Amino acid sequence: MILEKHVEIERSIITSYRKRIWTKFIKSIQEFDMIQEGDKIAVCISGGKDSMLMAKCFQELKKHGKMNFELVFLTMNPGYNEKNKQKIISNAELLNIPITMFETNIFDAVAEIKDHPCYVCARMRRGYLYEKAKEYGCNKIALGHHFDDVVETILMGMLYGAQMQTMMPKLRSTSHPGMELIRPLYYVKESAIIGWMEKNELEFIKCACKITDKSLRKNQDENGSKREEMKKLLGKLREIYDDVDMNIFRSAQNVNLDTIISYRSQRTGEKHHFLDNY
């Protein structure tokens, strides 16, 4: 019997990539208590490889899991050109993901911003996703950030922000009461996602925004964004030591406050210095 393409893709997640993707997806959800009974989760699909894989993992969890929860597959069009928009739609059909697409003009809104346009864009996109998710009665949004994103965030904070911080596996929204953000691919490495994509001969859009389009990148460094720099740096570090990424990741879990000069609570804003109790 010849299986439909989406069935083969689904099987590859729990067979060929069971150890590298499926078990890590489940580990993230269980370890960080991401899903509770009765949740309605907006699975946010940008059209890239990460969010599309996350959507398929959620479908598998819903199909085989024992927990009662609902899913809405939410896709925002922030201003993609027609080619990229149609690519997202056709991939969703190929993968059997019933997306709900809504329109915004975020790309146009941030196109003229000179300082940190990617940060502003991300904040605006998240705000729109929270609002639309609430309209559908969801209490959570799920984003497709993966393990490499987490490690790159730690590096970027240290090297460019002079601070020790990480991308949290889940967090409560401060601007949308009752809403929560979860990152179920928290333990999944990007190399596994790329392997899954290539094995199944899939092709997804990348960033596709006007700012990172090379033809419009006049005032930006040729090497791209700071995050791209961190990706390249991480690649070089892995050539020296295979487990360096995991050690960077674990550094955010094994913080000894007695050996930190000072730290600040983001929740209260209160700052502590080691001399306070010296």
C-alpha atoms as a PDB file:
ATOM      1  CA  MET A   1       0.000   0.000   0.000  1.00  0.00           C
ATOM      2  CA  ILE A   2       1.327   3.448  -0.948  1.00  0.00           C
ATOM      3  CA  LEU A   3       1.033   5.817   1.991  1.00  0.00           C
ATOM      4  CA  GLU A   4       0.059   9.455   1.635  1.00  0.00           C
ATOM      5  CA  LYS A   5       3.010  11.819   1.935  1.00  0.00           C
ATOM      6  CA  HIS A   6       1.899  13.317   5.239  1.00  0.00           C
ATOM      7  CA  VAL A   7       1.552   9.845   6.776  1.00  0.00           C
ATOM      8  CA  GLU A   8       5.152   8.999   5.848  1.00  0.00           C
ATOM      9  CA  ILE A   9       6.312  12.295   7.334  1.00  0.00           C
ATOM     10  CA  GLU A  10       4.393  11.650  10.548  1.00  0.00           C
ATOM     11  CA  ARG A  11       5.889   8.174  10.851  1.00  0.00           C
ATOM     12  CA  SER A  12       9.413   9.498  10.416  1.00  0.00           C
ATOM     13  CA  ILE A  13       8.985  11.667  13.528  1.00  0.00           C
ATOM     14  CA  ILE A  14       8.208   8.715  15.779  1.00  0.00           C
ATOM     15  CA  THR A  15      10.489   6.191  14.042  1.00  0.00           C
ATOM     16  CA  SER A  16      13.621   7.523  12.299  1.00  0.00           C
ATOM     17  CA  TYR A  17      13.701  10.667  14.454  1.00  0.00           C
ATOM     18  CA  ARG A  18      12.175   9.250  17.589  1.00  0.00           C
ATOM     19  CA  LYS A  19      15.303   9.776  19.691  1.00  0.00           C
ATOM     20  CA  ARG A  20      16.392  13.117  18.207  1.00  0.00           C
ATOM     21  CA  ILE A  21      12.980  14.778  17.903  1.00  0.00           C
ATOM     22  CA  TRP A  22       9.998  12.961  19.401  1.00  0.00           C
ATOM     23  CA  THR A  23      11.455  12.006  22.793  1.00  0.00           C
ATOM     24  CA  LYS A  24      12.975  15.471  23.187  1.00  0.00           C
ATOM     25  CA  PHE A  25       9.646  17.086  22.323  1.00  0.00           C
ATOM     26  CA  ILE A  26       7.961  14.955  24.981  1.00  0.00           C
ATOM     27  CA  LYS A  27      10.763  15.644  27.476  1.00  0.00           C
ATOM     28  CA  SER A  28      10.315  19.401  27.092  1.00  0.00           C
ATOM     29  CA  ILE A  29       6.566  19.168  27.657  1.00  0.00           C
ATOM     30  CA  GLN A  30       6.862  16.884  30.667  1.00  0.00           C
ATOM     31  CA  GLU A  31       9.879  18.451  32.371  1.00  0.00           C
ATOM     32  CA  PHE A  32       8.508  21.981  32.160  1.00  0.00           C
ATOM     33  CA  ASP A  33       4.842  21.042  32.658  1.00  0.00           C
ATOM     34  CA  MET A  34       3.777  22.800  29.456  1.00  0.00           C
ATOM     35  CA  ILE A  35       0.332  21.257  28.935  1.00  0.00           C
ATOM     36  CA  GLN A  36      -2.536  20.799  31.367  1.00  0.00           C
ATOM     37  CA  GLU A  37      -5.956  19.182  31.021  1.00  0.00           C
ATOM     38  CA  GLY A  38      -8.387  21.409  29.167  1.00  0.00           C
ATOM     39  CA  ASP A  39      -5.758  23.635  27.526  1.00  0.00           C
ATOM     40  CA  LYS A  40      -6.519  25.194  24.169  1.00  0.00           C
ATOM     41  CA  ILE A  41      -3.195  25.869  22.464  1.00  0.00           C
ATOM     42  CA  ALA A  42      -2.550  28.126  19.495  1.00  0.00           C
ATOM     43  CA  VAL A  43       0.266  26.406  17.612  1.00  0.00           C
ATOM     44  CA  CYS A  44       1.893  29.378  15.887  1.00  0.00           C
ATOM     45  CA  ILE A  45       3.163  28.530  12.407  1.00  0.00           C
ATOM     46  CA  SER A  46       5.480  30.989  10.685  1.00  0.00           C
ATOM     47  CA  GLY A  47       5.957  28.744   7.683  1.00  0.00           C
ATOM     48  CA  GLY A  48       9.531  27.769   8.523  1.00  0.00           C
ATOM     49  CA  LYS A  49      10.845  24.284   9.254  1.00  0.00           C
ATOM     50  CA  ASP A  50      10.722  24.650  13.055  1.00  0.00           C
ATOM     51  CA  SER A  51       7.095  25.666  13.435  1.00  0.00           C
ATOM     52  CA  MET A  52       5.921  23.161  10.810  1.00  0.00           C
ATOM     53  CA  LEU A  53       7.674  20.332  12.658  1.00  0.00           C
ATOM     54  CA  MET A  54       6.210  21.542  15.949  1.00  0.00           C
ATOM     55  CA  ALA A  55       2.730  21.399  14.430  1.00  0.00           C
ATOM     56  CA  LYS A  56       3.247  17.795  13.318  1.00  0.00           C
ATOM     57  CA  CYS A  57       4.559  16.843  16.771  1.00  0.00           C
ATOM     58  CA  PHE A  58       1.460  18.354  18.369  1.00  0.00           C
ATOM     59  CA  GLN A  59      -0.755  16.389  15.985  1.00  0.00           C
ATOM     60  CA  GLU A  60       1.029  13.181  16.964  1.00  0.00           C
ATOM     61  CA  LEU A  61       0.697  14.029  20.654  1.00  0.00           C
ATOM     62  CA  LYS A  62      -3.004  14.714  20.223  1.00  0.00           C
ATOM     63  CA  LYS A  63      -3.435  11.460  18.298  1.00  0.00           C
ATOM     64  CA  HIS A  64      -1.562   9.189  20.711  1.00  0.00           C
ATOM     65  CA  GLY A  65      -1.532  11.145  23.971  1.00  0.00           C
ATOM     66  CA  LYS A  66      -3.743  10.601  26.984  1.00  0.00           C
ATOM     67  CA  MET A  67      -4.226  14.253  27.913  1.00  0.00           C
ATOM     68  CA  ASN A  68      -7.322  16.221  26.884  1.00  0.00           C
ATOM     69  CA  PHE A  69      -6.427  19.465  25.090  1.00  0.00           C
ATOM     70  CA  GLU A  70      -7.370  21.368  21.936  1.00  0.00           C
ATOM     71  CA  LEU A  71      -5.252  22.773  19.128  1.00  0.00           C
ATOM     72  CA  VAL A  72      -5.591  25.725  16.771  1.00  0.00           C
ATOM     73  CA  PHE A  73      -2.956  26.039  14.034  1.00  0.00           C
ATOM     74  CA  LEU A  74      -2.493  29.774  13.716  1.00  0.00           C
ATOM     75  CA  THR A  75      -0.541  31.377  10.870  1.00  0.00           C
ATOM     76  CA  MET A  76       0.058  35.115  10.676  1.00  0.00           C
ATOM     77  CA  ASN A  77       0.929  36.770   7.392  1.00  0.00           C
ATOM     78  CA  PRO A  78       3.024  39.783   8.447  1.00  0.00           C
ATOM     79  CA  GLY A  79       3.506  40.871   4.848  1.00  0.00           C
ATOM     80  CA  TYR A  80       4.967  37.933   2.931  1.00  0.00           C
ATOM     81  CA  ASN A  81       5.153  38.216  -0.821  1.00  0.00           C
ATOM     82  CA  GLU A  82       2.649  36.086  -2.712  1.00  0.00           C
ATOM     83  CA  LYS A  83       5.202  33.368  -3.491  1.00  0.00           C
ATOM     84  CA  ASN A  84       6.069  32.803   0.177  1.00  0.00           C
ATOM     85  CA  LYS A  85       2.444  33.002   1.245  1.00  0.00           C
ATOM     86  CA  GLN A  86       1.466  30.313  -1.255  1.00  0.00           C
ATOM     87  CA  LYS A  87       4.449  28.190  -0.174  1.00  0.00           C
ATOM     88  CA  ILE A  88       3.151  28.185   3.399  1.00  0.00           C
ATOM     89  CA  ILE A  89      -0.340  27.236   2.253  1.00  0.00           C
ATOM     90  CA  SER A  90       0.882  24.444  -0.021  1.00  0.00           C
ATOM     91  CA  ASN A  91       3.180  23.027   2.687  1.00  0.00           C
ATOM     92  CA  ALA A  92       0.317  23.042   5.177  1.00  0.00           C
ATOM     93  CA  GLU A  93      -1.821  21.099   2.684  1.00  0.00           C
ATOM     94  CA  LEU A  94       1.022  18.652   1.997  1.00  0.00           C
ATOM     95  CA  LEU A  95       1.559  18.073   5.732  1.00  0.00           C
ATOM     96  CA  ASN A  96      -2.170  17.904   6.473  1.00  0.00           C
ATOM     97  CA  ILE A  97      -2.059  20.850   8.911  1.00  0.00           C
ATOM     98  CA  PRO A  98      -5.363  22.789   8.975  1.00  0.00           C
ATOM     99  CA  ILE A  99      -3.940  26.301   9.342  1.00  0.00           C
ATOM    100  CA  THR A 100      -5.937  29.449  10.006  1.00  0.00           C
ATOM    101  CA  MET A 101      -4.199  32.428   8.384  1.00  0.00           C
ATOM    102  CA  PHE A 102      -4.747  36.078   9.280  1.00  0.00           C
ATOM    103  CA  GLU A 103      -3.222  39.244   7.810  1.00  0.00           C
ATOM    104  CA  THR A 104      -1.125  42.028   9.388  1.00  0.00           C
ATOM    105  CA  ASN A 105       1.205  44.736   8.023  1.00  0.00           C
ATOM    106  CA  ILE A 106       4.089  44.221  10.448  1.00  0.00           C
ATOM    107  CA  PHE A 107       6.814  44.045   7.787  1.00  0.00           C
ATOM    108  CA  ASP A 108       5.816  47.473   6.451  1.00  0.00           C
ATOM    109  CA  ALA A 109       5.582  48.877   9.979  1.00  0.00           C
ATOM    110  CA  VAL A 110       9.150  47.902  10.912  1.00  0.00           C
ATOM    111  CA  ALA A 111      10.771  48.441   7.517  1.00  0.00           C
ATOM    112  CA  GLU A 112      11.938  51.960   8.407  1.00  0.00           C
ATOM    113  CA  ILE A 113      13.074  51.161  11.947  1.00  0.00           C
ATOM    114  CA  LYS A 114      16.858  51.440  12.225  1.00  0.00           C
ATOM    115  CA  ASP A 115      17.486  50.298  15.800  1.00  0.00           C
ATOM    116  CA  HIS A 116      16.816  46.613  16.514  1.00  0.00           C
ATOM    117  CA  PRO A 117      14.113  46.055  13.854  1.00  0.00           C
ATOM    118  CA  CYS A 118      14.129  42.272  14.381  1.00  0.00           C
ATOM    119  CA  TYR A 119      13.433  42.724  18.103  1.00  0.00           C
ATOM    120  CA  VAL A 120      10.567  45.130  17.393  1.00  0.00           C
ATOM    121  CA  CYS A 121       9.183  42.783  14.743  1.00  0.00           C
ATOM    122  CA  ALA A 122       9.282  39.799  17.114  1.00  0.00           C
ATOM    123  CA  ARG A 123       7.486  41.743  19.852  1.00  0.00           C
ATOM    124  CA  MET A 124       4.793  42.943  17.450  1.00  0.00           C
ATOM    125  CA  ARG A 125       4.284  39.470  16.010  1.00  0.00           C
ATOM    126  CA  ARG A 126       3.922  37.964  19.460  1.00  0.00           C
ATOM    127  CA  GLY A 127       1.371  40.614  20.418  1.00  0.00           C
ATOM    128  CA  TYR A 128      -0.747  39.889  17.344  1.00  0.00           C
ATOM    129  CA  LEU A 129      -0.519  36.141  18.006  1.00  0.00           C
ATOM    130  CA  TYR A 130      -1.678  36.561  21.609  1.00  0.00           C
ATOM    131  CA  GLU A 131      -4.632  38.677  20.499  1.00  0.00           C
ATOM    132  CA  LYS A 132      -5.724  36.298  17.760  1.00  0.00           C
ATOM    133  CA  ALA A 133      -5.236  33.266  20.036  1.00  0.00           C
ATOM    134  CA  LYS A 134      -7.515  34.876  22.634  1.00  0.00           C
ATOM    135  CA  GLU A 135     -10.160  35.402  19.941  1.00  0.00           C
ATOM    136  CA  TYR A 136     -10.144  31.635  19.380  1.00  0.00           C
ATOM    137  CA  GLY A 137     -10.457  30.948  23.102  1.00  0.00           C
ATOM    138  CA  CYS A 138      -6.870  29.754  23.557  1.00  0.00           C
ATOM    139  CA  ASN A 139      -5.000  30.104  26.838  1.00  0.00           C
ATOM    140  CA  LYS A 140      -1.553  29.321  25.407  1.00  0.00           C
ATOM    141  CA  ILE A 141       0.537  29.995  22.335  1.00  0.00           C
ATOM    142  CA  ALA A 142       3.287  27.592  21.253  1.00  0.00           C
ATOM    143  CA  LEU A 143       6.363  28.896  19.431  1.00  0.00           C
ATOM    144  CA  GLY A 144       8.898  26.820  17.487  1.00  0.00           C
ATOM    145  CA  HIS A 145      12.131  27.952  19.152  1.00  0.00           C
ATOM    146  CA  HIS A 146      14.578  25.050  19.438  1.00  0.00           C
ATOM    147  CA  PHE A 147      17.667  24.107  21.488  1.00  0.00           C
ATOM    148  CA  ASP A 148      20.070  26.080  19.289  1.00  0.00           C
ATOM    149  CA  ASP A 149      17.934  29.215  19.713  1.00  0.00           C
ATOM    150  CA  VAL A 150      18.265  28.843  23.481  1.00  0.00           C
ATOM    151  CA  VAL A 151      22.058  28.453  23.391  1.00  0.00           C
ATOM    152  CA  GLU A 152      22.442  31.331  20.936  1.00  0.00           C
ATOM    153  CA  THR A 153      20.361  33.529  23.261  1.00  0.00           C
ATOM    154  CA  ILE A 154      22.678  32.754  26.181  1.00  0.00           C
ATOM    155  CA  LEU A 155      25.746  33.603  24.087  1.00  0.00           C
ATOM    156  CA  MET A 156      24.187  36.757  22.675  1.00  0.00           C
ATOM    157  CA  GLY A 157      23.228  38.003  26.133  1.00  0.00           C
ATOM    158  CA  MET A 158      26.769  37.501  27.431  1.00  0.00           C
ATOM    159  CA  LEU A 159      28.709  38.837  24.441  1.00  0.00           C
ATOM    160  CA  TYR A 160      26.477  41.715  23.368  1.00  0.00           C
ATOM    161  CA  GLY A 161      24.216  42.404  26.348  1.00  0.00           C
ATOM    162  CA  ALA A 162      26.740  41.932  29.181  1.00  0.00           C
ATOM    163  CA  GLN A 163      24.202  39.835  31.041  1.00  0.00           C
ATOM    164  CA  MET A 164      23.452  36.234  31.919  1.00  0.00           C
ATOM    165  CA  GLN A 165      20.024  35.228  30.675  1.00  0.00           C
ATOM    166  CA  THR A 166      18.307  32.525  28.673  1.00  0.00           C
ATOM    167  CA  MET A 167      15.201  31.886  26.576  1.00  0.00           C
ATOM    168  CA  MET A 168      12.689  30.402  29.005  1.00  0.00           C
ATOM    169  CA  PRO A 169      10.797  27.185  28.140  1.00  0.00           C
ATOM    170  CA  LYS A 170       7.551  28.835  29.142  1.00  0.00           C
ATOM    171  CA  LEU A 171       6.410  32.167  30.528  1.00  0.00           C
ATOM    172  CA  ARG A 172       3.260  34.051  31.446  1.00  0.00           C
ATOM    173  CA  SER A 173       2.326  37.031  29.325  1.00  0.00           C
ATOM    174  CA  THR A 174       2.550  40.336  31.208  1.00  0.00           C
ATOM    175  CA  SER A 175       0.437  42.192  28.632  1.00  0.00           C
ATOM    176  CA  HIS A 176      -2.207  39.510  28.044  1.00  0.00           C
ATOM    177  CA  PRO A 177      -3.501  38.229  31.408  1.00  0.00           C
ATOM    178  CA  GLY A 178      -4.309  34.533  31.470  1.00  0.00           C
ATOM    179  CA  MET A 179      -2.146  33.777  28.443  1.00  0.00           C
ATOM    180  CA  GLU A 180       1.022  31.702  28.493  1.00  0.00           C
ATOM    181  CA  LEU A 181       3.799  31.017  25.981  1.00  0.00           C
ATOM    182  CA  ILE A 182       5.383  27.566  25.643  1.00  0.00           C
ATOM    183  CA  ARG A 183       8.352  26.301  23.603  1.00  0.00           C
ATOM    184  CA  PRO A 184       7.944  22.509  23.101  1.00  0.00           C
ATOM    185  CA  LEU A 185      11.042  22.134  20.876  1.00  0.00           C
ATOM    186  CA  TYR A 186      13.237  23.397  23.724  1.00  0.00           C
ATOM    187  CA  TYR A 187      15.442  20.270  23.713  1.00  0.00           C
ATOM    188  CA  VAL A 188      15.362  19.586  19.953  1.00  0.00           C
ATOM    189  CA  LYS A 189      18.564  20.509  18.102  1.00  0.00           C
ATOM    190  CA  GLU A 190      18.341  22.334  14.795  1.00  0.00           C
ATOM    191  CA  SER A 191      20.474  19.663  13.102  1.00  0.00           C
ATOM    192  CA  ALA A 192      17.737  17.106  13.840  1.00  0.00           C
ATOM    193  CA  ILE A 193      15.090  19.381  12.341  1.00  0.00           C
ATOM    194  CA  ILE A 194      17.178  19.879   9.204  1.00  0.00           C
ATOM    195  CA  GLY A 195      17.737  16.122   8.976  1.00  0.00           C
ATOM    196  CA  TRP A 196      13.986  15.465   9.244  1.00  0.00           C
ATOM    197  CA  MET A 197      13.277  18.091   6.602  1.00  0.00           C
ATOM    198  CA  GLU A 198      15.842  16.716   4.156  1.00  0.00           C
ATOM    199  CA  LYS A 199      14.866  13.089   4.731  1.00  0.00           C
ATOM    200  CA  ASN A 200      11.290  13.914   3.752  1.00  0.00           C
ATOM    201  CA  GLU A 201      12.379  16.172   0.856  1.00  0.00           C
ATOM    202  CA  LEU A 202      10.592  19.169   2.313  1.00  0.00           C
ATOM    203  CA  GLU A 203      11.283  22.805   1.529  1.00  0.00           C
ATOM    204  CA  PHE A 204      10.114  25.648   3.768  1.00  0.00           C
ATOM    205  CA  ILE A 205      10.391  29.417   3.683  1.00  0.00           C
ATOM    206  CA  LYS A 206      13.108  31.039   5.753  1.00  0.00           C
ATOM    207  CA  CYS A 207      12.768  34.453   7.369  1.00  0.00           C
ATOM    208  CA  ALA A 208      11.246  36.010   4.213  1.00  0.00           C
ATOM    209  CA  CYS A 209      11.045  39.517   5.676  1.00  0.00           C
ATOM    210  CA  LYS A 210      12.017  42.701   3.875  1.00  0.00           C
ATOM    211  CA  ILE A 211      14.755  43.639   6.320  1.00  0.00           C
ATOM    212  CA  THR A 212      16.785  40.455   5.957  1.00  0.00           C
ATOM    213  CA  ASP A 213      16.274  40.294   2.209  1.00  0.00           C
ATOM    214  CA  LYS A 214      19.785  40.733   0.778  1.00  0.00           C
ATOM    215  CA  SER A 215      18.547  43.035  -1.948  1.00  0.00           C
ATOM    216  CA  LEU A 216      17.269  45.482   0.668  1.00  0.00           C
ATOM    217  CA  ARG A 217      20.021  45.071   3.245  1.00  0.00           C
ATOM    218  CA  LYS A 218      21.903  48.298   2.499  1.00  0.00           C
ATOM    219  CA  ASN A 219      22.912  49.460   5.926  1.00  0.00           C
ATOM    220  CA  GLN A 220      23.444  46.101   7.607  1.00  0.00           C
ATOM    221  CA  ASP A 221      26.612  44.110   8.019  1.00  0.00           C
ATOM    222  CA  GLU A 222      27.175  41.549   5.254  1.00  0.00           C
ATOM    223  CA  ASN A 223      27.357  38.747   7.796  1.00  0.00           C
ATOM    224  CA  GLY A 224      23.746  39.332   8.834  1.00  0.00           C
ATOM    225  CA  SER A 225      22.188  39.589  12.280  1.00  0.00           C
ATOM    226  CA  LYS A 226      23.778  39.123  15.689  1.00  0.00           C
ATOM    227  CA  ARG A 227      21.889  35.858  16.054  1.00  0.00           C
ATOM    228  CA  GLU A 228      23.405  34.640  12.812  1.00  0.00           C
ATOM    229  CA  GLU A 229      26.823  35.535  14.213  1.00  0.00           C
ATOM    230  CA  MET A 230      26.059  33.433  17.294  1.00  0.00           C
ATOM    231  CA  LYS A 231      25.022  30.529  15.058  1.00  0.00           C
ATOM    232  CA  LYS A 232      28.357  30.677  13.266  1.00  0.00           C
ATOM    233  CA  LEU A 233      30.267  31.027  16.538  1.00  0.00           C
ATOM    234  CA  LEU A 234      28.455  28.016  17.975  1.00  0.00           C
ATOM    235  CA  GLY A 235      29.383  26.022  14.888  1.00  0.00           C
ATOM    236  CA  LYS A 236      33.068  26.841  15.394  1.00  0.00           C
ATOM    237  CA  LEU A 237      32.902  25.974  19.098  1.00  0.00           C
ATOM    238  CA  ARG A 238      31.342  22.595  18.262  1.00  0.00           C
ATOM    239  CA  GLU A 239      34.338  21.843  16.045  1.00  0.00           C
ATOM    240  CA  ILE A 240      36.544  22.163  19.132  1.00  0.00           C
ATOM    241  CA  TYR A 241      34.297  20.328  21.599  1.00  0.00           C
ATOM    242  CA  ASP A 242      31.188  18.331  20.665  1.00  0.00           C
ATOM    243  CA  ASP A 243      29.292  18.948  23.913  1.00  0.00           C
ATOM    244  CA  VAL A 244      30.013  22.667  24.158  1.00  0.00           C
ATOM    245  CA  ASP A 245      26.414  23.571  23.289  1.00  0.00           C
ATOM    246  CA  MET A 246      25.036  21.404  26.087  1.00  0.00           C
ATOM    247  CA  ASN A 247      27.502  22.898  28.567  1.00  0.00           C
ATOM    248  CA  ILE A 248      26.449  26.415  27.593  1.00  0.00           C
ATOM    249  CA  PHE A 249      22.823  25.348  27.990  1.00  0.00           C
ATOM    250  CA  ARG A 250      23.436  23.783  31.403  1.00  0.00           C
ATOM    251  CA  SER A 251      25.292  26.884  32.603  1.00  0.00           C
ATOM    252  CA  ALA A 252      21.866  28.529  32.838  1.00  0.00           C
ATOM    253  CA  GLN A 253      20.643  25.660  35.044  1.00  0.00           C
ATOM    254  CA  ASN A 254      23.635  25.418  37.377  1.00  0.00           C
ATOM    255  CA  VAL A 255      23.917  29.018  38.585  1.00  0.00           C
ATOM    256  CA  ASN A 256      25.567  29.363  42.005  1.00  0.00           C
ATOM    257  CA  LEU A 257      24.375  32.719  43.364  1.00  0.00           C
ATOM    258  CA  ASP A 258      27.139  32.688  45.987  1.00  0.00           C
ATOM    259  CA  THR A 259      29.696  33.048  43.188  1.00  0.00           C
ATOM    260  CA  ILE A 260      27.846  35.783  41.273  1.00  0.00           C
ATOM    261  CA  ILE A 261      28.906  39.401  41.820  1.00  0.00           C
ATOM    262  CA  SER A 262      25.355  40.697  41.419  1.00  0.00           C
ATOM    263  CA  TYR A 263      21.983  39.623  40.087  1.00  0.00           C
ATOM    264  CA  ARG A 264      18.601  41.237  39.518  1.00  0.00           C
ATOM    265  CA  SER A 265      15.080  39.885  39.776  1.00  0.00           C
ATOM    266  CA  GLN A 266      13.223  40.642  36.564  1.00  0.00           C
ATOM    267  CA  ARG A 267       9.916  40.166  38.366  1.00  0.00           C
ATOM    268  CA  THR A 268      10.561  42.675  41.164  1.00  0.00           C
ATOM    269  CA  GLY A 269      13.414  44.714  39.706  1.00  0.00           C
ATOM    270  CA  GLU A 270      15.328  44.232  42.961  1.00  0.00           C
ATOM    271  CA  LYS A 271      19.107  44.012  42.599  1.00  0.00           C
ATOM    272  CA  HIS A 272      21.363  41.978  44.891  1.00  0.00           C
ATOM    273  CA  HIS A 273      25.137  42.428  45.298  1.00  0.00           C
ATOM    274  CA  PHE A 274      27.512  39.967  46.975  1.00  0.00           C
ATOM    275  CA  LEU A 275      28.708  42.737  49.288  1.00  0.00           C
ATOM    276  CA  ASP A 276      25.181  43.074  50.738  1.00  0.00           C
ATOM    277  CA  ASN A 277      25.803  40.051  52.962  1.00  0.00           C
ATOM    278  CA  TYR A 278      29.590  39.883  52.871  1.00  0.00           C
END
